[in-house]
Amino acid sequence: MSRRCADESRPPPNALSNRSRILGRVGIVVVIILCIPVLSSTFAQARAWERASTLAGPMTGPADDPTLDPSPLPSPTPTPDPSPTDSTPSATPTPAPTASAPTSTPAPTPTPTPTASPPPVATPAPGLHVAGNALVTTSGEQVVLRGVNRSGTEFACIQGWGIFDGPSDQASIAAIRSWRTNAVRVPLNEDCWLGINGVDPRYSGATYQQAIKDYVDLLNQNGLYAVLELHWSAPGTTPASGLQPMPDLDHAPAFWTGVAGMFGGNGAALFELFSEPWPDDQRDSAAAWTCWRDGGTCPGVPFEAAGMQTLVDAVRATGASNVILLGGVSYSNALSQWLGYRPTDPRADLAAAWHVYNFNVCSSTSCYDSTAGTVSTEVPLIASEIGVDNCDSSFLSTLLDWLDARQLSYAAWTWNTWGAACSGLALVSDYTGTATAYGELYRAHLAALP
């Protein structure tokens, strides 16, 4: 419509005023009618919000809604047994636990296995001594040790959270016995035993010593031999928080004087003087073996070392007659010159300790025959650490069969719950004795023995 036509059709002013007033009133009524549903809905929503707030507490907006944040919270990580920092392709130290637990997956129903013979009724373990190349009791009966390592007492104390990793009571020992074992190897910490270098007094000194004594007594009462060994050590004021290439002259003689003084009258406790020597950068060399026996200033050892002869002398000076185990060089895997460098023992109660894993240099039967086999013809040999980090049943069976054929002793690493992965080398998933896949290889072998 054109503006001209619109002007001609406009009503008089009075008529427009009356019409506006009428339309205004009508408009108000229309707006009220139209807004009533909206206001009612808004009021109802406000009441619902208020009621929900009263019943459930403060309401959260989108920024506070946890479902909108996809980032998971970190899972707690158990304190692991720290792995040694020294690693070379030629040899590997005692493996450490896997820090994270594996994801559980459904497993197929296992094939039933024959029922194993029950462990013998527990009677106190009789004392041992060396006769030729065998361990024998005072009555002359030969004893072959078949056991497990029980890690924890070397690291929990220095880390400041306990003495044992897991239980150390009767039920836990009964579980170990249920695998038809007769020995437990107990790693020790130099600083914790001596109560030095700032170790928490709740887990060191007299408290630590008594805990170890009580555990050894309980093992012996259950017919299990205890192999006590110096696992973690360090010179001077350095905390004993890992493996060293040799025992230190600063503290190791005092450590063994104390241990021998406490257990010297207990023939069911054996002393392994140092877990895994590796002087001269793990070489199986004359320099390494000389350091091993004599100590002093050695290649690859950044402190004054205590040789095996010094530690044997420290033990015997207390009057202790316990069997003494000596591991060779290259993480106790090399025994090629053990006989030539063996220390002098006035009691002639020395035995060789040997560590064998699938990743060691000496890991074939030809090497076993030429080194460990030769040593075992003259002195008792105890493979105090054995294992496989890949669940290689062929390797483990071959090694165990080789040892059994010669009536040699052994202990698998380790009776701890460090996860089900084969690389963790944990034998059990709980302390009632449920085997991991790796542990089952060992348990089944023990169960099949006559």
Protein backbone atom coordinates (compact mmCIF):
# COMPACT_ATOMS: atom_id res chain seq x y z
CA MET A 1 0.00 0.00 0.00
CA SER A 2 1.33 3.47 -0.87
CA ARG A 3 1.90 6.08 1.80
CA ARG A 4 -0.78 8.36 0.18
CA CYS A 5 -3.52 5.77 0.43
CA ALA A 6 -2.56 5.05 4.00
CA ASP A 7 -2.89 8.72 5.02
CA GLU A 8 -6.31 8.99 3.40
CA SER A 9 -7.62 5.98 5.27
CA ARG A 10 -6.34 7.09 8.74
CA PRO A 11 -9.33 7.64 11.24
CA PRO A 12 -9.92 10.89 13.17
CA PRO A 13 -7.75 11.50 16.29
CA ASN A 14 -10.54 10.87 18.85
CA ALA A 15 -11.54 7.63 17.18
CA LEU A 16 -7.90 6.54 17.13
CA SER A 17 -7.50 7.31 20.83
CA ASN A 18 -10.56 5.26 21.83
CA ARG A 19 -9.50 2.38 19.62
CA SER A 20 -6.00 2.41 21.12
CA ARG A 21 -7.34 2.21 24.63
CA ILE A 22 -9.57 -0.73 23.75
CA LEU A 23 -6.82 -2.55 21.89
CA GLY A 24 -4.40 -1.92 24.77
CA ARG A 25 -6.72 -3.54 27.27
CA VAL A 26 -7.33 -6.48 24.95
CA GLY A 27 -3.57 -6.84 24.42
CA ILE A 28 -2.92 -7.00 28.14
CA VAL A 29 -5.50 -9.74 28.53
CA VAL A 30 -3.99 -11.67 25.62
CA VAL A 31 -0.46 -11.39 27.02
CA ILE A 32 -1.61 -12.59 30.42
CA ILE A 33 -3.40 -15.56 28.88
CA LEU A 34 -0.39 -16.46 26.74
CA CYS A 35 2.16 -16.12 29.56
CA ILE A 36 0.31 -18.16 32.17
CA PRO A 37 1.61 -21.58 30.85
CA VAL A 38 5.16 -20.26 30.52
CA LEU A 39 5.19 -18.83 34.03
CA SER A 40 3.67 -22.02 35.39
CA SER A 41 6.33 -24.15 33.72
CA THR A 42 9.16 -21.90 34.92
CA PHE A 43 7.79 -21.91 38.46
CA ALA A 44 7.49 -25.73 38.38
CA GLN A 45 11.08 -26.08 37.20
CA ALA A 46 12.29 -23.75 39.91
CA ARG A 47 10.45 -25.80 42.56
CA ALA A 48 11.90 -29.04 41.17
CA TRP A 49 15.42 -27.58 41.24
CA GLU A 50 14.91 -26.41 44.81
CA ARG A 51 13.58 -29.81 45.90
CA ALA A 52 16.48 -31.65 44.24
CA SER A 53 18.94 -29.32 45.94
CA THR A 54 17.37 -29.96 49.30
CA LEU A 55 17.46 -33.75 48.95
CA ALA A 56 20.80 -34.24 47.22
CA GLY A 57 22.94 -31.33 48.33
CA PRO A 58 24.43 -28.63 46.12
CA MET A 59 23.84 -29.12 42.43
CA THR A 60 26.87 -29.18 40.15
CA GLY A 61 27.11 -27.48 36.83
CA PRO A 62 28.83 -28.89 33.77
CA ALA A 63 32.25 -27.71 34.94
CA ASP A 64 31.90 -29.74 38.14
CA ASP A 65 30.44 -32.87 36.57
CA PRO A 66 33.11 -35.61 36.93
CA THR A 67 31.61 -37.58 34.06
CA LEU A 68 32.77 -34.87 31.68
CA ASP A 69 36.41 -35.35 32.61
CA PRO A 70 37.74 -38.44 30.78
CA SER A 71 41.13 -38.45 32.55
CA PRO A 72 41.34 -41.39 35.01
CA LEU A 73 42.94 -41.02 38.42
CA PRO A 74 46.37 -42.62 38.70
CA SER A 75 46.42 -46.07 40.29
CA PRO A 76 48.60 -46.50 43.38
CA THR A 77 51.88 -48.26 42.64
CA PRO A 78 53.33 -50.75 45.18
CA THR A 79 56.84 -50.15 46.42
CA PRO A 80 58.97 -52.49 44.33
CA ASP A 81 62.21 -54.15 45.13
CA PRO A 82 64.44 -51.75 43.17
CA SER A 83 66.43 -53.41 40.45
CA PRO A 84 70.20 -53.02 40.47
CA THR A 85 71.40 -50.08 38.44
CA ASP A 86 74.31 -52.04 36.98
CA SER A 87 73.42 -53.88 33.80
CA THR A 88 75.54 -55.13 30.95
CA PRO A 89 74.87 -57.64 28.19
CA SER A 90 77.23 -60.14 29.78
CA ALA A 91 75.40 -60.72 33.04
CA THR A 92 72.28 -59.63 34.86
CA PRO A 93 71.72 -59.22 38.61
CA THR A 94 68.80 -60.51 40.63
CA PRO A 95 65.58 -59.45 38.85
CA ALA A 96 63.25 -56.96 40.52
CA PRO A 97 59.45 -57.02 40.86
CA THR A 98 57.15 -55.50 38.24
CA ALA A 99 55.68 -52.34 39.68
CA SER A 100 52.21 -52.60 38.13
CA ALA A 101 49.81 -55.49 38.51
CA PRO A 102 48.63 -57.16 35.29
CA THR A 103 45.07 -56.91 34.01
CA SER A 104 43.05 -59.95 34.95
CA THR A 105 41.75 -61.98 32.01
CA PRO A 106 39.53 -65.04 32.00
CA ALA A 107 41.55 -68.22 31.99
CA PRO A 108 40.55 -71.54 30.45
CA THR A 109 39.71 -74.39 32.73
CA PRO A 110 43.03 -76.06 33.60
CA THR A 111 43.64 -79.69 32.86
CA PRO A 112 43.50 -81.70 36.09
CA THR A 113 46.92 -82.77 37.33
CA PRO A 114 47.77 -85.74 39.50
CA THR A 115 47.53 -85.11 43.21
CA ALA A 116 50.99 -84.42 44.60
CA SER A 117 52.31 -86.19 47.62
CA PRO A 118 51.73 -84.08 50.74
CA PRO A 119 54.73 -82.45 52.38
CA PRO A 120 56.23 -84.52 55.19
CA VAL A 121 55.14 -83.83 58.73
CA ALA A 122 57.14 -80.89 60.04
CA THR A 123 59.95 -81.75 62.41
CA PRO A 124 62.69 -79.31 63.45
CA ALA A 125 65.45 -79.08 60.86
CA PRO A 126 68.62 -80.78 62.12
CA GLY A 127 71.97 -79.04 61.88
CA LEU A 128 74.16 -79.47 58.81
CA HIS A 129 77.85 -79.65 58.05
CA VAL A 130 79.97 -80.47 55.01
CA ALA A 131 81.18 -83.99 54.33
CA GLY A 132 83.07 -84.20 51.05
CA ASN A 133 80.76 -82.69 48.44
CA ALA A 134 77.54 -83.17 50.40
CA LEU A 135 75.55 -81.48 53.14
CA VAL A 136 74.87 -83.97 55.92
CA THR A 137 73.27 -84.01 59.35
CA THR A 138 75.12 -84.99 62.51
CA SER A 139 73.88 -88.54 61.94
CA GLY A 140 75.45 -88.58 58.47
CA GLU A 141 72.22 -88.33 56.46
CA GLN A 142 72.60 -86.35 53.23
CA VAL A 143 70.31 -83.34 52.81
CA VAL A 144 69.49 -81.79 49.44
CA LEU A 145 67.96 -78.34 49.75
CA ARG A 146 64.99 -77.50 47.56
CA GLY A 147 63.53 -74.18 48.43
CA VAL A 148 62.52 -70.64 47.58
CA ASN A 149 63.86 -67.16 48.11
CA ARG A 150 61.77 -64.88 50.33
CA SER A 151 62.64 -61.35 49.29
CA GLY A 152 61.72 -58.26 51.31
CA THR A 153 64.00 -58.17 54.34
CA GLU A 154 66.72 -56.58 52.20
CA PHE A 155 64.65 -53.58 51.04
CA ALA A 156 61.57 -52.88 53.19
CA CYS A 157 63.61 -51.67 56.17
CA ILE A 158 65.89 -49.31 54.24
CA GLN A 159 62.85 -47.89 52.42
CA GLY A 160 61.29 -47.15 55.79
CA TRP A 161 58.01 -49.06 55.67
CA GLY A 162 58.59 -52.41 57.38
CA ILE A 163 60.83 -55.44 57.71
CA PHE A 164 59.04 -58.11 55.64
CA ASP A 165 57.29 -57.78 52.30
CA GLY A 166 54.16 -59.75 53.13
CA PRO A 167 53.44 -62.08 56.06
CA SER A 168 56.07 -63.93 58.07
CA ASP A 169 53.71 -65.98 60.24
CA GLN A 170 53.01 -69.68 60.61
CA ALA A 171 50.35 -69.74 57.88
CA SER A 172 52.72 -68.20 55.33
CA ILE A 173 55.44 -70.72 56.19
CA ALA A 174 52.97 -73.58 55.95
CA ALA A 175 52.13 -72.37 52.44
CA ILE A 176 55.81 -72.51 51.47
CA ARG A 177 56.07 -76.04 52.90
CA SER A 178 53.01 -77.09 50.90
CA TRP A 179 55.18 -76.95 47.78
CA ARG A 180 57.36 -79.69 49.29
CA THR A 181 60.25 -77.35 50.02
CA ASN A 182 62.78 -77.69 52.84
CA ALA A 183 64.65 -74.36 52.66
CA VAL A 184 64.07 -70.61 52.51
CA ARG A 185 66.74 -68.10 51.51
CA VAL A 186 66.45 -64.84 53.47
CA PRO A 187 68.18 -61.74 51.99
CA LEU A 188 69.47 -59.25 54.57
CA ASN A 189 70.41 -55.58 54.66
CA GLU A 190 73.70 -54.48 56.19
CA ASP A 191 72.52 -51.09 57.46
CA CYS A 192 69.29 -52.49 58.90
CA TRP A 193 71.13 -55.19 60.83
CA LEU A 194 73.72 -52.77 62.20
CA GLY A 195 71.25 -49.93 62.77
CA ILE A 196 73.36 -47.35 60.92
CA ASN A 197 73.10 -44.67 58.24
CA GLY A 198 69.78 -43.30 59.39
CA VAL A 199 67.57 -46.36 59.02
CA ASP A 200 64.30 -45.95 60.93
CA PRO A 201 64.90 -47.57 64.38
CA ARG A 202 61.50 -49.24 64.13
CA TYR A 203 62.95 -51.41 61.36
CA SER A 204 66.63 -51.63 62.25
CA GLY A 205 69.14 -52.58 64.91
CA ALA A 206 67.85 -54.84 67.69
CA THR A 207 64.29 -54.75 66.30
CA TYR A 208 65.38 -55.96 62.87
CA GLN A 209 67.72 -58.58 64.34
CA GLN A 210 64.99 -60.01 66.57
CA ALA A 211 62.52 -60.14 63.69
CA ILE A 212 65.02 -62.11 61.60
CA LYS A 213 65.78 -64.46 64.50
CA ASP A 214 62.09 -65.10 65.13
CA TYR A 215 61.52 -65.86 61.46
CA VAL A 216 64.49 -68.22 61.23
CA ASP A 217 63.35 -70.00 64.40
CA LEU A 218 59.88 -70.46 62.93
CA LEU A 219 61.31 -71.77 59.66
CA ASN A 220 63.47 -74.27 61.53
CA GLN A 221 60.57 -75.40 63.71
CA ASN A 222 58.69 -76.19 60.50
CA GLY A 223 61.55 -78.31 59.16
CA LEU A 224 62.89 -75.61 56.84
CA TYR A 225 66.54 -74.62 56.63
CA ALA A 226 67.34 -70.89 56.48
CA VAL A 227 70.01 -69.49 54.17
CA LEU A 228 70.96 -66.03 55.46
CA GLU A 229 72.72 -63.85 52.90
CA LEU A 230 74.06 -60.30 52.65
CA HIS A 231 72.08 -58.84 49.77
CA TRP A 232 72.15 -55.03 50.06
CA SER A 233 75.18 -53.20 51.45
CA ALA A 234 77.14 -49.96 51.02
CA PRO A 235 80.36 -48.37 52.27
CA GLY A 236 80.69 -45.51 54.77
CA THR A 237 77.63 -43.33 55.20
CA THR A 238 76.04 -44.41 51.92
CA PRO A 239 72.64 -46.06 52.58
CA ALA A 240 72.52 -49.75 51.70
CA SER A 241 69.80 -49.33 49.08
CA GLY A 242 70.96 -51.69 46.35
CA LEU A 243 73.48 -54.23 45.12
CA GLN A 244 77.21 -53.50 45.24
CA PRO A 245 80.00 -55.24 43.27
CA MET A 246 81.64 -56.47 46.50
CA PRO A 247 81.05 -56.37 50.25
CA ASP A 248 82.51 -53.23 51.82
CA LEU A 249 85.31 -53.37 54.35
CA ASP A 250 83.62 -50.62 56.38
CA HIS A 251 80.64 -52.67 57.56
CA ALA A 252 80.51 -56.22 56.12
CA PRO A 253 82.88 -57.82 58.70
CA ALA A 254 80.87 -56.27 61.55
CA PHE A 255 77.65 -57.48 59.91
CA TRP A 256 78.84 -61.08 59.76
CA THR A 257 80.28 -60.92 63.25
CA GLY A 258 76.79 -59.97 64.45
CA VAL A 259 74.92 -62.55 62.36
CA ALA A 260 77.33 -65.34 63.33
CA GLY A 261 77.09 -64.32 66.97
CA MET A 262 73.31 -64.67 66.89
CA PHE A 263 73.02 -67.86 64.80
CA GLY A 264 76.33 -69.55 65.58
CA GLY A 265 74.67 -72.24 67.64
CA ASN A 266 72.07 -73.01 64.96
CA GLY A 267 73.29 -75.55 62.42
CA ALA A 268 70.03 -75.21 60.50
CA ALA A 269 71.05 -71.67 59.47
CA LEU A 270 73.52 -71.44 56.58
CA PHE A 271 75.50 -68.28 55.77
CA GLU A 272 75.85 -67.03 52.16
CA LEU A 273 78.44 -64.30 52.67
CA PHE A 274 77.54 -62.09 49.70
CA SER A 275 74.72 -62.49 47.22
CA GLU A 276 76.20 -61.52 43.85
CA PRO A 277 79.83 -60.33 43.57
CA TRP A 278 80.78 -58.66 40.27
CA PRO A 279 84.20 -57.01 40.59
CA ASP A 280 86.22 -56.07 37.51
CA ASP A 281 83.03 -55.04 35.71
CA GLN A 282 81.52 -58.55 35.78
CA ARG A 283 84.50 -60.21 34.11
CA ASP A 284 85.41 -63.79 34.89
CA SER A 285 89.04 -62.75 35.22
CA ALA A 286 92.05 -63.31 37.47
CA ALA A 287 91.65 -59.73 38.72
CA ALA A 288 88.02 -60.41 39.63
CA TRP A 289 88.84 -63.63 41.46
CA THR A 290 91.76 -62.06 43.32
CA CYS A 291 89.48 -59.27 44.51
CA TRP A 292 86.80 -61.83 45.38
CA ARG A 293 89.14 -63.68 47.73
CA ASP A 294 91.42 -60.92 49.05
CA GLY A 295 89.43 -57.69 48.80
CA GLY A 296 91.22 -54.34 49.01
CA THR A 297 91.43 -51.93 46.09
CA CYS A 298 89.85 -53.67 43.11
CA PRO A 299 89.00 -52.83 39.49
CA GLY A 300 85.34 -51.96 39.12
CA VAL A 301 84.83 -51.43 42.87
CA PRO A 302 84.69 -47.77 44.00
CA PHE A 303 85.50 -48.52 47.65
CA GLU A 304 87.73 -50.72 49.81
CA ALA A 305 86.35 -54.23 49.43
CA ALA A 306 86.15 -57.00 52.00
CA GLY A 307 87.28 -60.27 50.42
CA MET A 308 85.71 -63.65 51.13
CA GLN A 309 88.67 -64.67 53.26
CA THR A 310 88.07 -61.67 55.55
CA LEU A 311 84.40 -62.57 55.96
CA VAL A 312 85.10 -66.27 56.57
CA ASP A 313 87.55 -65.22 59.27
CA ALA A 314 84.96 -62.88 60.83
CA VAL A 315 82.41 -65.70 61.06
CA ARG A 316 84.83 -68.27 62.45
CA ALA A 317 86.26 -65.80 65.00
CA THR A 318 82.88 -65.92 66.78
CA GLY A 319 83.12 -69.70 67.19
CA ALA A 320 80.26 -70.27 64.73
CA SER A 321 80.42 -73.61 62.94
CA ASN A 322 77.68 -72.92 60.37
CA VAL A 323 78.08 -73.99 56.75
CA ILE A 324 79.32 -71.04 54.69
CA LEU A 325 78.24 -70.51 51.07
CA LEU A 326 80.35 -68.49 48.63
CA GLY A 327 78.95 -67.32 45.30
CA GLY A 328 81.38 -66.77 42.43
CA VAL A 329 82.01 -63.65 40.34
CA SER A 330 79.84 -62.23 37.52
CA TYR A 331 76.76 -62.11 39.75
CA SER A 332 77.57 -65.55 41.21
CA ASN A 333 77.05 -67.10 37.79
CA ALA A 334 80.75 -67.77 37.09
CA LEU A 335 82.44 -70.60 39.02
CA SER A 336 85.33 -71.27 36.64
CA GLN A 337 88.04 -70.44 39.21
CA TRP A 338 86.14 -71.02 42.44
CA LEU A 339 88.27 -74.00 43.49
CA GLY A 340 91.54 -72.22 42.77
CA TYR A 341 90.63 -69.13 44.79
CA ARG A 342 88.58 -70.72 47.57
CA PRO A 343 89.37 -69.18 50.99
CA THR A 344 90.83 -71.16 53.85
CA ASP A 345 88.32 -72.40 56.39
CA PRO A 346 89.63 -74.05 59.57
CA ARG A 347 86.41 -76.09 59.77
CA ALA A 348 86.32 -77.10 56.09
CA ASP A 349 82.64 -76.23 56.00
CA LEU A 350 82.56 -74.26 52.76
CA ALA A 351 80.07 -74.74 49.93
CA ALA A 352 79.71 -73.02 46.55
CA ALA A 353 76.70 -70.82 45.78
CA TRP A 354 75.58 -70.48 42.16
CA HIS A 355 72.99 -68.24 40.46
CA VAL A 356 71.47 -69.36 37.18
CA TYR A 357 68.86 -67.59 35.07
CA ASN A 358 68.02 -67.94 31.39
CA PHE A 359 69.66 -64.55 30.70
CA ASN A 360 73.03 -65.36 32.35
CA VAL A 361 76.26 -66.08 30.48
CA CYS A 362 76.48 -69.62 31.85
CA SER A 363 73.06 -70.91 30.88
CA SER A 364 73.70 -74.11 28.91
CA THR A 365 74.42 -77.66 30.00
CA SER A 366 77.86 -77.52 28.43
CA CYS A 367 78.72 -74.57 30.66
CA TYR A 368 77.12 -76.25 33.66
CA ASP A 369 79.27 -79.33 33.11
CA SER A 370 82.56 -77.46 32.74
CA THR A 371 82.12 -75.08 35.69
CA ALA A 372 79.49 -75.89 38.28
CA GLY A 373 79.76 -79.60 37.56
CA THR A 374 83.50 -79.55 38.27
CA VAL A 375 83.09 -77.60 41.51
CA SER A 376 80.29 -79.86 42.72
CA THR A 377 82.58 -82.90 42.65
CA GLU A 378 84.66 -81.36 45.46
CA VAL A 379 82.30 -79.27 47.59
CA PRO A 380 78.53 -79.01 48.05
CA LEU A 381 76.93 -76.76 45.47
CA ILE A 382 73.73 -74.81 46.16
CA ALA A 383 72.08 -72.98 43.26
CA SER A 384 70.67 -70.40 45.65
CA GLU A 385 68.95 -68.36 42.92
CA ILE A 386 67.42 -69.90 39.82
CA GLY A 387 64.65 -68.73 37.51
CA VAL A 388 63.37 -67.80 34.06
CA ASP A 389 61.96 -64.39 33.16
CA ASN A 390 60.03 -65.68 30.13
CA CYS A 391 58.34 -68.81 31.53
CA ASP A 392 60.60 -70.98 29.38
CA SER A 393 59.66 -74.39 30.73
CA SER A 394 62.31 -76.12 28.64
CA PHE A 395 65.14 -74.07 30.14
CA LEU A 396 63.92 -74.50 33.72
CA SER A 397 63.25 -78.21 33.34
CA THR A 398 66.69 -78.78 31.83
CA LEU A 399 68.38 -76.91 34.67
CA LEU A 400 66.38 -78.62 37.42
CA ASP A 401 66.91 -82.06 35.90
CA TRP A 402 70.66 -81.36 35.68
CA LEU A 403 70.74 -80.39 39.36
CA ASP A 404 68.57 -83.31 40.48
CA ALA A 405 70.70 -85.83 38.59
CA ARG A 406 73.69 -84.73 40.70
CA GLN A 407 71.72 -84.36 43.95
CA LEU A 408 72.51 -80.65 44.08
CA SER A 409 70.53 -78.09 46.07
CA TYR A 410 68.58 -75.14 44.69
CA ALA A 411 66.15 -72.32 45.56
CA ALA A 412 63.92 -70.47 43.09
CA TRP A 413 63.55 -66.70 43.02
CA THR A 414 61.11 -65.58 44.53
CA TRP A 415 58.19 -66.27 46.89
CA ASN A 416 56.66 -62.79 46.54
CA THR A 417 53.46 -61.40 45.04
CA TRP A 418 54.94 -59.03 42.46
CA GLY A 419 52.45 -59.69 39.67
CA ALA A 420 51.67 -62.53 37.31
CA ALA A 421 54.01 -61.50 34.48
CA CYS A 422 56.79 -64.00 33.88
CA SER A 423 59.29 -61.13 33.77
CA GLY A 424 58.56 -60.36 37.42
CA LEU A 425 59.87 -63.78 38.52
CA ALA A 426 57.25 -63.97 41.27
CA LEU A 427 56.37 -67.55 42.14
CA VAL A 428 53.01 -66.83 43.77
CA SER A 429 50.02 -64.55 43.38
CA ASP A 430 49.12 -64.74 47.06
CA TYR A 431 50.76 -65.92 50.25
CA THR A 432 48.57 -68.99 50.54
CA GLY A 433 50.70 -70.47 47.76
CA THR A 434 48.67 -69.93 44.57
CA ALA A 435 51.22 -70.28 41.80
CA THR A 436 51.76 -67.86 38.95
CA ALA A 437 52.44 -69.30 35.50
CA TYR A 438 56.15 -69.13 36.25
CA GLY A 439 55.66 -70.49 39.74
CA GLU A 440 53.65 -73.43 38.45
CA LEU A 441 56.67 -74.63 36.47
CA TYR A 442 58.63 -74.89 39.70
CA ARG A 443 55.78 -76.17 41.86
CA ALA A 444 54.97 -78.93 39.40
CA HIS A 445 58.60 -80.03 39.30
CA LEU A 446 58.78 -80.29 43.08
CA ALA A 447 55.49 -82.13 43.19
CA ALA A 448 56.76 -84.75 40.74
CA LEU A 449 59.90 -85.53 42.74
CA PRO A 450 59.95 -88.87 44.55
